[in-house]
Protein backbone atom coordinates (compact mmCIF):
# COMPACT_ATOMS: atom_id res chain seq x y z
CA MET A 1 -0.44 -12.07 -4.70
CA SER A 2 -0.79 -13.70 -8.08
CA SER A 3 1.84 -13.30 -10.77
CA ASP A 4 -0.77 -12.03 -13.32
CA THR A 5 -1.40 -8.78 -11.23
CA THR A 6 -0.71 -5.87 -13.49
CA SER A 7 -2.07 -3.11 -11.30
CA TYR A 8 -2.59 -2.16 -7.79
CA ARG A 9 -5.20 0.00 -5.99
CA VAL A 10 -4.11 3.27 -4.47
CA TYR A 11 -5.76 4.69 -1.49
CA LYS A 12 -5.56 7.87 0.58
CA LEU A 13 -5.64 6.99 4.23
CA LYS A 14 -6.30 9.25 7.20
CA PHE A 15 -5.16 8.24 10.70
CA GLU A 16 -6.25 9.85 13.97
CA LEU A 17 -3.57 11.85 15.73
CA ALA A 18 -2.75 11.36 19.43
CA MET A 19 -2.59 15.14 19.90
CA GLN A 20 -3.91 17.99 17.83
CA ASP A 21 -1.68 20.95 16.96
CA PRO A 22 -3.10 24.05 18.59
CA ASP A 23 -1.83 26.15 15.76
CA MET A 24 -3.77 24.17 13.16
CA PRO A 25 -7.56 23.98 12.56
CA ALA A 26 -8.98 20.77 14.12
CA PRO A 27 -9.58 18.04 13.49
CA ARG A 28 -6.34 17.03 11.71
CA PHE A 29 -5.35 13.57 10.56
CA HIS A 30 -2.12 11.95 9.42
CA HIS A 31 -2.37 11.50 5.68
CA VAL A 32 -0.83 8.54 3.91
CA ILE A 33 -0.86 7.27 0.26
CA PHE A 34 -1.18 3.51 0.38
CA VAL A 35 -0.60 1.08 -2.48
CA GLU A 36 -2.29 -2.17 -1.76
CA SER A 37 0.29 -4.53 -3.32
CA ASN A 38 -1.23 -7.66 -1.75
CA PRO A 39 -4.92 -7.74 -2.24
CA THR A 40 -5.28 -11.12 -0.47
CA ASP A 41 -4.22 -9.71 2.96
CA GLY A 42 -4.64 -6.00 2.27
CA SER A 43 -1.03 -5.22 2.89
CA GLY A 44 1.12 -2.87 0.79
CA VAL A 45 3.33 0.13 0.88
CA LYS A 46 2.61 3.50 2.49
CA PHE A 47 4.07 6.72 1.14
CA HIS A 48 4.00 9.72 3.43
CA VAL A 49 6.02 12.41 5.38
CA THR A 50 6.84 11.87 9.05
CA GLY A 51 8.34 13.94 11.82
CA ASP A 52 7.29 17.36 12.89
CA ILE A 53 7.60 20.99 11.93
CA THR A 54 9.40 22.08 15.14
CA SER A 55 12.56 20.01 14.60
CA GLY A 56 15.40 21.63 12.63
CA SER A 57 15.12 19.08 9.89
CA GLY A 58 11.40 19.38 9.45
CA MET A 59 9.36 16.47 8.04
CA LYS A 60 10.99 13.58 6.03
CA TYR A 61 9.71 11.43 3.07
CA GLU A 62 9.30 7.76 3.88
CA SER A 63 8.01 4.67 2.05
CA THR A 64 7.64 1.50 3.91
CA SER A 65 5.89 -1.93 3.84
CA ASP A 66 2.73 -1.85 5.88
CA PRO A 67 0.16 -4.43 6.97
CA ASN A 68 -3.55 -3.94 6.13
CA PRO A 69 -4.44 -0.41 7.37
CA ALA A 70 -7.85 -1.60 8.45
CA SER A 71 -6.22 -3.41 11.34
CA SER A 72 -4.93 -0.10 12.84
CA ASP A 73 -6.91 1.31 15.81
CA THR A 74 -6.12 4.92 14.51
CA ASN A 75 -7.31 4.34 10.93
CA TYR A 76 -9.97 6.99 10.25
CA THR A 77 -10.77 6.72 6.49
CA LYS A 78 -9.64 4.89 3.37
CA GLU A 79 -10.47 6.58 0.03
CA LEU A 80 -9.72 5.02 -3.38
CA LEU A 81 -7.64 7.48 -5.33
CA GLY A 82 -7.04 5.20 -8.41
CA TYR A 83 -4.62 2.66 -9.59
CA THR A 84 -0.98 2.19 -10.44
CA SER A 85 0.99 -0.26 -12.61
CA ALA A 86 2.47 -3.07 -10.61
CA LYS A 87 5.65 -3.12 -12.60
CA ASN A 88 8.48 -1.48 -10.56
CA PHE A 89 6.02 0.79 -8.84
CA LYS A 90 7.91 1.38 -5.68
CA ALA A 91 11.12 2.59 -7.28
CA LEU A 92 9.13 4.83 -9.75
CA TRP A 93 7.00 6.26 -6.88
CA ASP A 94 10.00 6.81 -4.70
CA ALA A 95 11.87 8.68 -7.51
CA THR A 96 8.79 10.91 -8.05
CA LEU A 97 7.96 11.58 -4.38
CA THR A 98 11.46 12.20 -3.16
CA ALA A 99 11.54 15.12 -5.62
CA CYS A 100 8.56 16.68 -3.77
CA PRO A 101 9.93 19.13 -1.16
CA THR A 102 8.96 18.00 2.36
CA PRO A 103 7.50 20.41 4.90
CA PRO A 104 10.39 22.31 6.61
CA GLN A 105 10.66 23.53 10.17
CA GLN A 106 7.98 26.23 10.73
CA LYS A 107 7.82 26.46 14.48
CA ALA A 108 10.28 27.16 17.31
CA PHE A 109 10.29 27.86 21.04
CA ASN A 110 9.64 31.57 21.74
CA VAL A 111 11.49 32.48 24.94
CA ARG A 112 9.47 35.67 25.22
CA THR A 113 6.13 33.84 25.41
CA MET A 114 7.54 30.58 26.73
CA LYS A 115 5.64 28.73 23.91
CA THR A 116 6.41 26.85 20.76
CA GLU A 117 5.01 28.93 18.01
CA PRO A 118 5.02 29.46 14.23
CA PHE A 119 7.75 31.86 13.00
CA LYS A 120 8.03 34.37 10.26
CA THR A 121 11.67 33.73 9.56
CA LEU A 122 14.16 31.20 10.86
CA ASN A 123 17.37 33.14 10.31
CA PRO A 124 17.14 35.51 12.12
CA LEU A 125 14.51 33.83 14.17
CA THR A 126 11.43 36.18 14.06
CA PHE A 127 8.08 35.42 15.56
CA TYR A 128 4.67 36.89 14.57
CA GLU A 129 3.36 39.62 16.71
CA PRO A 130 -0.10 39.15 18.40
CA GLY A 131 -2.84 39.63 15.75
CA GLU A 132 -0.47 39.60 12.88
CA GLU A 133 -1.58 37.55 9.80
CA ARG A 134 0.28 34.23 9.62
CA ARG A 135 1.16 32.10 6.66
CA PRO A 136 -0.56 28.68 6.80
CA LEU A 137 1.46 25.88 8.29
CA ARG A 138 2.19 22.88 5.88
CA LYS A 139 2.24 19.37 7.18
CA CYS A 140 1.47 15.91 5.85
CA THR A 141 -1.99 16.80 4.71
CA GLU A 142 -0.73 19.68 2.51
CA TRP A 143 2.26 17.63 1.17
CA THR A 144 -0.10 14.72 0.27
CA GLU A 145 -2.92 16.79 -1.30
CA GLU A 146 -0.81 19.57 -2.89
CA GLN A 147 2.38 17.92 -3.92
CA ALA A 148 2.40 14.17 -3.79
CA ILE A 149 -0.91 13.30 -5.51
CA PRO A 150 -0.52 15.92 -8.25
CA ALA A 151 3.09 14.71 -8.88
CA LEU A 152 2.03 11.12 -9.21
CA ARG A 153 -0.82 12.04 -11.56
CA LYS A 154 1.52 14.20 -13.69
CA ALA A 155 4.17 11.40 -13.86
CA GLY A 156 1.42 8.94 -15.06
CA LEU A 157 1.84 6.77 -11.95
CA LEU A 158 -1.59 7.38 -10.47
CA LEU A 159 -4.30 6.52 -12.92
CA ALA A 160 -8.14 6.78 -12.71
CA SER A 161 -8.59 3.23 -13.89
CA PRO A 162 -6.40 0.15 -14.01
CA PRO A 163 -3.66 0.27 -16.65
CA ARG A 164 -4.96 -2.97 -18.32
CA PRO A 165 -6.44 -2.31 -21.73
CA GLY A 166 -9.70 -4.33 -22.30
CA SER A 167 -10.07 -5.58 -18.72
CA SER A 168 -12.06 -4.38 -15.68
CA SER A 169 -10.83 -3.93 -12.13
CA SER A 170 -11.25 -6.94 -9.85
CA GLY A 171 -13.24 -4.62 -7.54
CA ALA A 172 -16.43 -3.92 -9.46
CA GLY A 173 -18.08 -0.92 -7.84
CA SER A 174 -14.85 0.51 -6.46
CA ARG A 175 -14.23 3.80 -8.17
CA PRO A 176 -11.80 6.58 -7.36
CA GLY A 177 -13.38 8.66 -4.69
CA SER A 178 -15.23 5.73 -2.99
CA SER A 179 -14.39 5.41 0.69
CA TYR A 180 -15.14 4.18 4.18
CA GLY A 181 -14.51 5.80 7.39
CA LYS A 182 -15.64 6.89 10.86
CA LYS A 183 -18.10 9.68 10.84
């Protein structure tokens, strides 16, 4: 990475899941926001929630260094969302994204049906009756689309164009919304 880099590309990545959740519409993918901080080798930092909605702690926010996502066998799509300033980006992003509530526990084991199911309330533990309308489950997709991306845009950290007045992106033709993926 050259010392004159003032901005990084930001992507939304989708990864194939080993197993689909039977309580969610399929297909589902693991969603990650990826900042490509090293354009030479395609590596960077991924920002996402991990874990599951059956554990008592629910899902947790995480940001970690990551190699080029194209090298992953489970990478499904890579969509350019925009750009972020290179200066102190990880600390600023972490501060913004840790303020976004993560998906809580939303499922538990129902001894009556002998299945793990979505519940209405946790305390006291109350399950839905057959045919009863259920509130939608929230996982990484919803956290990424409905909370993380809007929060980053609102904070001015996710921009439609590189934050370099008077200069163009090094990736001519790469615009937010452009993508690749398996179809």
